[in-house]
């Protein structure tokens, strides 16, 4: 009963469009830098998305596919990850 109510609440929030909850299979992640590519795959620019002042700079929030679980095998996240996986 409680689980069903929580599930219903999640779906109401996710479908409301207020942007507070990511859809199932997605998550919001702070990404400080974005690599911009041409259609051919050539490097164009490294875009700084950080906001704030001094040491309080934080990357902008992006909606990305949910991260993979990392245990023994090295897996990269689809189209986003930290610099060691680039």
PDB file of N, CA and C in Angstrom:
ATOM      1  N   UNK A   1       0.816  -1.180   0.000  1.00  0.00           N
ATOM      2  CA  UNK A   1       0.000   0.000   0.000  1.00  0.00           C
ATOM      3  C   UNK A   1       0.873   1.262   0.000  1.00  0.00           C
ATOM      4  N   UNK A   2       1.870   1.300   0.870  1.00  0.00           N
ATOM      5  CA  UNK A   2       2.752   2.462   0.925  1.00  0.00           C
ATOM      6  C   UNK A   2       3.588   2.551  -0.347  1.00  0.00           C
ATOM      7  N   UNK A   3       4.102   1.410  -0.822  1.00  0.00           N
ATOM      8  CA  UNK A   3       4.908   1.417  -2.042  1.00  0.00           C
ATOM      9  C   UNK A   3       4.090   1.888  -3.237  1.00  0.00           C
ATOM     10  N   UNK A   4       2.854   1.453  -3.318  1.00  0.00           N
ATOM     11  CA  UNK A   4       1.993   1.882  -4.419  1.00  0.00           C
ATOM     12  C   UNK A   4       1.747   3.390  -4.354  1.00  0.00           C
ATOM     13  N   UNK A   5       1.549   3.927  -3.161  1.00  0.00           N
ATOM     14  CA  UNK A   5       1.349   5.369  -3.000  1.00  0.00           C
ATOM     15  C   UNK A   5       2.604   6.147  -3.386  1.00  0.00           C
ATOM     16  N   UNK A   6       3.767   5.635  -3.001  1.00  0.00           N
ATOM     17  CA  UNK A   6       5.027   6.281  -3.386  1.00  0.00           C
ATOM     18  C   UNK A   6       5.222   6.255  -4.897  1.00  0.00           C
ATOM     19  N   UNK A   7       4.887   5.138  -5.503  1.00  0.00           N
ATOM     20  CA  UNK A   7       4.998   5.011  -6.957  1.00  0.00           C
ATOM     21  C   UNK A   7       4.054   6.000  -7.652  1.00  0.00           C
ATOM     22  N   UNK A   8       2.831   6.099  -7.187  1.00  0.00           N
ATOM     23  CA  UNK A   8       1.876   7.046  -7.756  1.00  0.00           C
ATOM     24  C   UNK A   8       2.367   8.481  -7.600  1.00  0.00           C
ATOM     25  N   UNK A   9       2.928   8.795  -6.437  1.00  0.00           N
ATOM     26  CA  UNK A   9       3.458  10.135  -6.181  1.00  0.00           C
ATOM     27  C   UNK A   9       4.602  10.449  -7.146  1.00  0.00           C
ATOM     28  N   UNK A  10       5.503   9.487  -7.353  1.00  0.00           N
ATOM     29  CA  UNK A  10       6.613   9.685  -8.285  1.00  0.00           C
ATOM     30  C   UNK A  10       6.093  10.020  -9.667  1.00  0.00           C
ATOM     31  N   UNK A  11       5.140   9.233 -10.159  1.00  0.00           N
ATOM     32  CA  UNK A  11       4.630   9.451 -11.510  1.00  0.00           C
ATOM     33  C   UNK A  11       3.899  10.786 -11.627  1.00  0.00           C
ATOM     34  N   UNK A  12       3.180  11.201 -10.596  1.00  0.00           N
ATOM     35  CA  UNK A  12       2.520  12.511 -10.628  1.00  0.00           C
ATOM     36  C   UNK A  12       3.566  13.626 -10.723  1.00  0.00           C
ATOM     37  N   UNK A  13       4.625  13.533  -9.908  1.00  0.00           N
ATOM     38  CA  UNK A  13       5.678  14.553  -9.923  1.00  0.00           C
ATOM     39  C   UNK A  13       6.452  14.544 -11.238  1.00  0.00           C
ATOM     40  N   UNK A  14       6.756  13.352 -11.737  1.00  0.00           N
ATOM     41  CA  UNK A  14       7.530  13.246 -12.975  1.00  0.00           C
ATOM     42  C   UNK A  14       6.748  13.781 -14.171  1.00  0.00           C
ATOM     43  N   UNK A  15       5.444  13.604 -14.188  1.00  0.00           N
ATOM     44  CA  UNK A  15       4.620  14.052 -15.313  1.00  0.00           C
ATOM     45  C   UNK A  15       4.125  15.482 -15.163  1.00  0.00           C
ATOM     46  N   UNK A  16       4.374  16.109 -14.022  1.00  0.00           N
ATOM     47  CA  UNK A  16       3.877  17.462 -13.801  1.00  0.00           C
ATOM     48  C   UNK A  16       4.660  18.503 -14.588  1.00  0.00           C
ATOM     49  N   UNK A  17       5.897  18.176 -14.978  1.00  0.00           N
ATOM     50  CA  UNK A  17       6.703  19.091 -15.774  1.00  0.00           C
ATOM     51  C   UNK A  17       7.346  20.217 -14.990  1.00  0.00           C
ATOM     52  N   UNK A  18       7.345  20.134 -13.664  1.00  0.00           N
ATOM     53  CA  UNK A  18       7.959  21.205 -12.875  1.00  0.00           C
ATOM     54  C   UNK A  18       9.480  21.106 -12.840  1.00  0.00           C
ATOM     55  N   UNK A  19      10.048  20.011 -13.349  1.00  0.00           N
ATOM     56  CA  UNK A  19      11.490  19.885 -13.462  1.00  0.00           C
ATOM     57  C   UNK A  19      12.208  19.438 -12.206  1.00  0.00           C
ATOM     58  N   UNK A  20      11.505  19.079 -11.155  1.00  0.00           N
ATOM     59  CA  UNK A  20      12.167  18.673  -9.916  1.00  0.00           C
ATOM     60  C   UNK A  20      12.562  17.206  -9.902  1.00  0.00           C
ATOM     61  N   UNK A  21      11.879  16.364 -10.648  1.00  0.00           N
ATOM     62  CA  UNK A  21      12.159  14.931 -10.643  1.00  0.00           C
ATOM     63  C   UNK A  21      12.479  14.488 -12.073  1.00  0.00           C
ATOM     64  N   UNK A  22      13.560  13.749 -12.221  1.00  0.00           N
ATOM     65  CA  UNK A  22      13.936  13.240 -13.527  1.00  0.00           C
ATOM     66  C   UNK A  22      13.040  12.057 -13.906  1.00  0.00           C
ATOM     67  N   UNK A  23      12.732  11.907 -15.192  1.00  0.00           N
ATOM     68  CA  UNK A  23      11.945  10.750 -15.629  1.00  0.00           C
ATOM     69  C   UNK A  23      12.703   9.453 -15.347  1.00  0.00           C
ATOM     70  N   UNK A  24      11.985   8.352 -15.334  1.00  0.00           N
ATOM     71  CA  UNK A  24      12.605   7.055 -15.064  1.00  0.00           C
ATOM     72  C   UNK A  24      13.663   6.759 -16.117  1.00  0.00           C
ATOM     73  N   UNK A  25      14.836   6.313 -15.658  1.00  0.00           N
ATOM     74  CA  UNK A  25      15.950   6.012 -16.556  1.00  0.00           C
ATOM     75  C   UNK A  25      16.855   7.207 -16.822  1.00  0.00           C
ATOM     76  N   UNK A  26      16.537   8.347 -16.226  1.00  0.00           N
ATOM     77  CA  UNK A  26      17.318   9.570 -16.397  1.00  0.00           C
ATOM     78  C   UNK A  26      17.677  10.120 -15.026  1.00  0.00           C
ATOM     79  N   UNK A  27      18.651  11.014 -14.979  1.00  0.00           N
ATOM     80  CA  UNK A  27      19.008  11.678 -13.735  1.00  0.00           C
ATOM     81  C   UNK A  27      19.571  13.058 -14.036  1.00  0.00           C
ATOM     82  N   UNK A  28      19.514  13.935 -13.054  1.00  0.00           N
ATOM     83  CA  UNK A  28      20.087  15.268 -13.190  1.00  0.00           C
ATOM     84  C   UNK A  28      21.485  15.252 -12.587  1.00  0.00           C
ATOM     85  N   UNK A  29      22.447  15.722 -13.385  1.00  0.00           N
ATOM     86  CA  UNK A  29      23.846  15.689 -12.969  1.00  0.00           C
ATOM     87  C   UNK A  29      24.462  17.062 -13.220  1.00  0.00           C
ATOM     88  N   UNK A  30      25.288  17.492 -12.298  1.00  0.00           N
ATOM     89  CA  UNK A  30      26.022  18.737 -12.461  1.00  0.00           C
ATOM     90  C   UNK A  30      27.224  18.478 -13.371  1.00  0.00           C
ATOM     91  N   UNK A  31      27.268  19.145 -14.518  1.00  0.00           N
ATOM     92  CA  UNK A  31      28.346  18.953 -15.487  1.00  0.00           C
ATOM     93  C   UNK A  31      29.040  20.297 -15.697  1.00  0.00           C
ATOM     94  N   UNK A  32      30.303  20.422 -15.249  1.00  0.00           N
ATOM     95  CA  UNK A  32      30.981  21.719 -15.322  1.00  0.00           C
ATOM     96  C   UNK A  32      31.494  22.090 -16.718  1.00  0.00           C
ATOM     97  N   UNK A  33      31.852  21.111 -17.539  1.00  0.00           N
ATOM     98  CA  UNK A  33      32.383  21.390 -18.869  1.00  0.00           C
ATOM     99  C   UNK A  33      31.712  20.490 -19.898  1.00  0.00           C
ATOM    100  N   UNK A  34      31.457  21.053 -21.090  1.00  0.00           N
ATOM    101  CA  UNK A  34      30.831  20.311 -22.183  1.00  0.00           C
ATOM    102  C   UNK A  34      31.758  20.375 -23.389  1.00  0.00           C
ATOM    103  N   UNK A  35      32.015  19.231 -24.012  1.00  0.00           N
ATOM    104  CA  UNK A  35      32.814  19.177 -25.233  1.00  0.00           C
ATOM    105  C   UNK A  35      31.868  19.360 -26.409  1.00  0.00           C
ATOM    106  N   UNK A  36      32.109  20.383 -27.225  1.00  0.00           N
ATOM    107  CA  UNK A  36      31.272  20.678 -28.383  1.00  0.00           C
ATOM    108  C   UNK A  36      31.943  20.087 -29.615  1.00  0.00           C
ATOM    109  N   UNK A  37      31.182  19.299 -30.376  1.00  0.00           N
ATOM    110  CA  UNK A  37      31.692  18.649 -31.578  1.00  0.00           C
ATOM    111  C   UNK A  37      30.910  19.092 -32.811  1.00  0.00           C
ATOM    112  N   UNK A  38      31.558  19.031 -33.978  1.00  0.00           N
ATOM    113  CA  UNK A  38      30.867  19.239 -35.249  1.00  0.00           C
ATOM    114  C   UNK A  38      30.109  17.963 -35.593  1.00  0.00           C
ATOM    115  N   UNK A  39      29.280  18.019 -36.627  1.00  0.00           N
ATOM    116  CA  UNK A  39      28.557  16.830 -37.071  1.00  0.00           C
ATOM    117  C   UNK A  39      29.510  15.725 -37.512  1.00  0.00           C
ATOM    118  N   UNK A  40      30.680  16.107 -37.993  1.00  0.00           N
ATOM    119  CA  UNK A  40      31.670  15.128 -38.438  1.00  0.00           C
ATOM    120  C   UNK A  40      32.449  14.520 -37.275  1.00  0.00           C
ATOM    121  N   UNK A  41      32.269  15.064 -36.061  1.00  0.00           N
ATOM    122  CA  UNK A  41      32.970  14.547 -34.898  1.00  0.00           C
ATOM    123  C   UNK A  41      34.213  15.324 -34.537  1.00  0.00           C
ATOM    124  N   UNK A  42      34.513  16.376 -35.283  1.00  0.00           N
ATOM    125  CA  UNK A  42      35.682  17.202 -35.006  1.00  0.00           C
ATOM    126  C   UNK A  42      35.435  18.056 -33.764  1.00  0.00           C
ATOM    127  N   UNK A  43      36.481  18.212 -32.957  1.00  0.00           N
ATOM    128  CA  UNK A  43      36.417  19.046 -31.761  1.00  0.00           C
ATOM    129  C   UNK A  43      36.234  20.507 -32.164  1.00  0.00           C
ATOM    130  N   UNK A  44      35.275  21.204 -31.513  1.00  0.00           N
ATOM    131  CA  UNK A  44      35.029  22.616 -31.783  1.00  0.00           C
ATOM    132  C   UNK A  44      35.433  23.471 -30.592  1.00  0.00           C
ATOM    133  N   UNK A  45      34.953  23.108 -29.395  1.00  0.00           N
ATOM    134  CA  UNK A  45      35.164  23.978 -28.245  1.00  0.00           C
ATOM    135  C   UNK A  45      34.973  23.190 -26.958  1.00  0.00           C
ATOM    136  N   UNK A  46      35.519  23.728 -25.882  1.00  0.00           N
ATOM    137  CA  UNK A  46      35.276  23.219 -24.537  1.00  0.00           C
ATOM    138  C   UNK A  46      34.493  24.311 -23.818  1.00  0.00           C
ATOM    139  N   UNK A  47      33.195  24.060 -23.578  1.00  0.00           N
ATOM    140  CA  UNK A  47      32.300  25.069 -23.016  1.00  0.00           C
ATOM    141  C   UNK A  47      32.254  24.956 -21.496  1.00  0.00           C
ATOM    142  N   UNK A  48      32.490  26.069 -20.827  1.00  0.00           N
ATOM    143  CA  UNK A  48      32.446  26.133 -19.369  1.00  0.00           C
ATOM    144  C   UNK A  48      31.016  26.449 -18.950  1.00  0.00           C
ATOM    145  N   UNK A  49      30.353  25.536 -18.225  1.00  0.00           N
ATOM    146  CA  UNK A  49      28.969  25.737 -17.800  1.00  0.00           C
ATOM    147  C   UNK A  49      28.861  26.130 -16.334  1.00  0.00           C
ATOM    148  N   UNK A  50      29.999  26.321 -15.666  1.00  0.00           N
ATOM    149  CA  UNK A  50      29.982  26.616 -14.233  1.00  0.00           C
ATOM    150  C   UNK A  50      29.369  27.988 -13.956  1.00  0.00           C
ATOM    151  N   UNK A  51      28.622  28.056 -12.867  1.00  0.00           N
ATOM    152  CA  UNK A  51      27.997  29.291 -12.425  1.00  0.00           C
ATOM    153  C   UNK A  51      28.480  29.595 -11.016  1.00  0.00           C
ATOM    154  N   UNK A  52      28.542  30.856 -10.655  1.00  0.00           N
ATOM    155  CA  UNK A  52      28.964  31.238  -9.315  1.00  0.00           C
ATOM    156  C   UNK A  52      30.259  32.013  -9.343  1.00  0.00           C
ATOM    157  N   UNK A  53      30.773  32.265  -8.151  1.00  0.00           N
ATOM    158  CA  UNK A  53      31.982  33.059  -7.997  1.00  0.00           C
ATOM    159  C   UNK A  53      33.067  32.276  -7.266  1.00  0.00           C
ATOM    160  N   UNK A  54      34.306  32.455  -7.677  1.00  0.00           N
ATOM    161  CA  UNK A  54      35.457  31.888  -6.979  1.00  0.00           C
ATOM    162  C   UNK A  54      35.387  30.383  -6.803  1.00  0.00           C
ATOM    163  N   UNK A  55      35.615  29.935  -5.561  1.00  0.00           N
ATOM    164  CA  UNK A  55      35.630  28.501  -5.260  1.00  0.00           C
ATOM    165  C   UNK A  55      34.228  27.906  -5.201  1.00  0.00           C
ATOM    166  N   UNK A  56      33.205  28.737  -5.242  1.00  0.00           N
ATOM    167  CA  UNK A  56      31.827  28.260  -5.162  1.00  0.00           C
ATOM    168  C   UNK A  56      31.226  27.953  -6.532  1.00  0.00           C
ATOM    169  N   UNK A  57      32.039  27.921  -7.576  1.00  0.00           N
ATOM    170  CA  UNK A  57      31.526  27.625  -8.911  1.00  0.00           C
ATOM    171  C   UNK A  57      31.022  26.191  -8.965  1.00  0.00           C
ATOM    172  N   UNK A  58      29.857  26.012  -9.554  1.00  0.00           N
ATOM    173  CA  UNK A  58      29.269  24.677  -9.704  1.00  0.00           C
ATOM    174  C   UNK A  58      28.755  24.530 -11.130  1.00  0.00           C
ATOM    175  N   UNK A  59      28.881  23.330 -11.672  1.00  0.00           N
ATOM    176  CA  UNK A  59      28.421  23.057 -13.020  1.00  0.00           C
ATOM    177  C   UNK A  59      26.909  23.129 -13.127  1.00  0.00           C
ATOM    178  N   UNK A  60      26.420  23.443 -14.321  1.00  0.00           N
ATOM    179  CA  UNK A  60      24.991  23.510 -14.580  1.00  0.00           C
ATOM    180  C   UNK A  60      24.388  22.105 -14.566  1.00  0.00           C
ATOM    181  N   UNK A  61      23.138  21.991 -14.148  1.00  0.00           N
ATOM    182  CA  UNK A  61      22.444  20.706 -14.087  1.00  0.00           C
ATOM    183  C   UNK A  61      21.951  20.313 -15.479  1.00  0.00           C
ATOM    184  N   UNK A  62      22.226  19.071 -15.881  1.00  0.00           N
ATOM    185  CA  UNK A  62      21.766  18.539 -17.155  1.00  0.00           C
ATOM    186  C   UNK A  62      21.002  17.249 -16.901  1.00  0.00           C
ATOM    187  N   UNK A  63      20.004  16.989 -17.722  1.00  0.00           N
ATOM    188  CA  UNK A  63      19.255  15.739 -17.671  1.00  0.00           C
ATOM    189  C   UNK A  63      19.966  14.756 -18.594  1.00  0.00           C
ATOM    190  N   UNK A  64      20.505  13.666 -18.021  1.00  0.00           N
ATOM    191  CA  UNK A  64      21.310  12.708 -18.780  1.00  0.00           C
ATOM    192  C   UNK A  64      20.799  11.288 -18.526  1.00  0.00           C
ATOM    193  N   UNK A  65      21.138  10.340 -19.433  1.00  0.00           N
ATOM    194  CA  UNK A  65      20.784   8.949 -19.154  1.00  0.00           C
ATOM    195  C   UNK A  65      21.392   8.494 -17.838  1.00  0.00           C
ATOM    196  N   UNK A  66      20.683   7.653 -17.121  1.00  0.00           N
ATOM    197  CA  UNK A  66      21.114   7.212 -15.794  1.00  0.00           C
ATOM    198  C   UNK A  66      22.497   6.579 -15.839  1.00  0.00           C
ATOM    199  N   UNK A  67      23.296   6.844 -14.820  1.00  0.00           N
ATOM    200  CA  UNK A  67      24.673   6.358 -14.784  1.00  0.00           C
ATOM    201  C   UNK A  67      24.725   4.846 -14.616  1.00  0.00           C
ATOM    202  N   UNK A  68      25.814   4.275 -15.126  1.00  0.00           N
ATOM    203  CA  UNK A  68      26.015   2.834 -15.019  1.00  0.00           C
ATOM    204  C   UNK A  68      26.665   2.518 -13.682  1.00  0.00           C
ATOM    205  N   UNK A  69      26.448   1.309 -13.194  1.00  0.00           N
ATOM    206  CA  UNK A  69      27.088   0.860 -11.962  1.00  0.00           C
ATOM    207  C   UNK A  69      28.499   0.382 -12.298  1.00  0.00           C
ATOM    208  N   UNK A  70      29.467   0.842 -11.535  1.00  0.00           N
ATOM    209  CA  UNK A  70      30.858   0.452 -11.783  1.00  0.00           C
ATOM    210  C   UNK A  70      31.338  -0.405 -10.627  1.00  0.00           C
ATOM    211  N   UNK A  71      31.772  -1.603 -10.964  1.00  0.00           N
ATOM    212  CA  UNK A  71      32.351  -2.474  -9.946  1.00  0.00           C
ATOM    213  C   UNK A  71      33.740  -2.875 -10.415  1.00  0.00           C
ATOM    214  N   UNK A  72      33.846  -3.972 -11.130  1.00  0.00           N
ATOM    215  CA  UNK A  72      35.140  -4.438 -11.607  1.00  0.00           C
ATOM    216  C   UNK A  72      35.394  -3.975 -13.033  1.00  0.00           C
ATOM    217  N   UNK A  73      34.374  -4.093 -13.895  1.00  0.00           N
ATOM    218  CA  UNK A  73      34.536  -3.713 -15.290  1.00  0.00           C
ATOM    219  C   UNK A  73      34.447  -2.197 -15.428  1.00  0.00           C
ATOM    220  N   UNK A  74      35.232  -1.670 -16.358  1.00  0.00           N
ATOM    221  CA  UNK A  74      35.230  -0.234 -16.600  1.00  0.00           C
ATOM    222  C   UNK A  74      34.194   0.058 -17.684  1.00  0.00           C
ATOM    223  N   UNK A  75      33.161   0.806 -17.302  1.00  0.00           N
ATOM    224  CA  UNK A  75      32.116   1.192 -18.255  1.00  0.00           C
ATOM    225  C   UNK A  75      31.982   2.700 -18.227  1.00  0.00           C
ATOM    226  N   UNK A  76      31.769   3.288 -19.390  1.00  0.00           N
ATOM    227  CA  UNK A  76      31.546   4.731 -19.472  1.00  0.00           C
ATOM    228  C   UNK A  76      30.049   4.998 -19.578  1.00  0.00           C
ATOM    229  N   UNK A  77      29.623   6.145 -19.094  1.00  0.00           N
ATOM    230  CA  UNK A  77      28.227   6.542 -19.225  1.00  0.00           C
ATOM    231  C   UNK A  77      27.964   7.036 -20.640  1.00  0.00           C
ATOM    232  N   UNK A  78      26.754   6.842 -21.114  1.00  0.00           N
ATOM    233  CA  UNK A  78      26.383   7.208 -22.481  1.00  0.00           C
ATOM    234  C   UNK A  78      26.390   8.722 -22.651  1.00  0.00           C
ATOM    235  N   UNK A  79      27.301   9.225 -23.467  1.00  0.00           N
ATOM    236  CA  UNK A  79      27.422  10.628 -23.844  1.00  0.00           C
ATOM    237  C   UNK A  79      27.766  11.596 -22.709  1.00  0.00           C
ATOM    238  N   UNK A  80      28.093  11.092 -21.533  1.00  0.00           N
ATOM    239  CA  UNK A  80      28.554  11.955 -20.442  1.00  0.00           C
ATOM    240  C   UNK A  80      29.345  11.130 -19.462  1.00  0.00           C
ATOM    241  N   UNK A  81      30.342  11.735 -18.855  1.00  0.00           N
ATOM    242  CA  UNK A  81      31.122  11.075 -17.811  1.00  0.00           C
ATOM    243  C   UNK A  81      32.187  12.050 -17.321  1.00  0.00           C
ATOM    244  N   UNK A  82      33.029  11.588 -16.403  1.00  0.00           N
ATOM    245  CA  UNK A  82      34.093  12.473 -15.935  1.00  0.00           C
ATOM    246  C   UNK A  82      35.268  12.425 -16.904  1.00  0.00           C
ATOM    247  N   UNK A  83      36.238  13.287 -16.694  1.00  0.00           N
ATOM    248  CA  UNK A  83      37.321  13.462 -17.667  1.00  0.00           C
ATOM    249  C   UNK A  83      38.186  12.215 -17.859  1.00  0.00           C
ATOM    250  N   UNK A  84      38.267  11.337 -16.879  1.00  0.00           N
ATOM    251  CA  UNK A  84      39.097  10.142 -17.045  1.00  0.00           C
ATOM    252  C   UNK A  84      38.496   9.157 -18.051  1.00  0.00           C
ATOM    253  N   UNK A  85      37.212   9.265 -18.339  1.00  0.00           N
ATOM    254  CA  UNK A  85      36.576   8.384 -19.317  1.00  0.00           C
ATOM    255  C   UNK A  85      36.524   8.995 -20.705  1.00  0.00           C
ATOM    256  N   UNK A  86      36.867  10.271 -20.813  1.00  0.00           N
ATOM    257  CA  UNK A  86      36.878  10.921 -22.128  1.00  0.00           C
ATOM    258  C   UNK A  86      38.086  10.424 -22.908  1.00  0.00           C
TER     259      UNK A  86
END
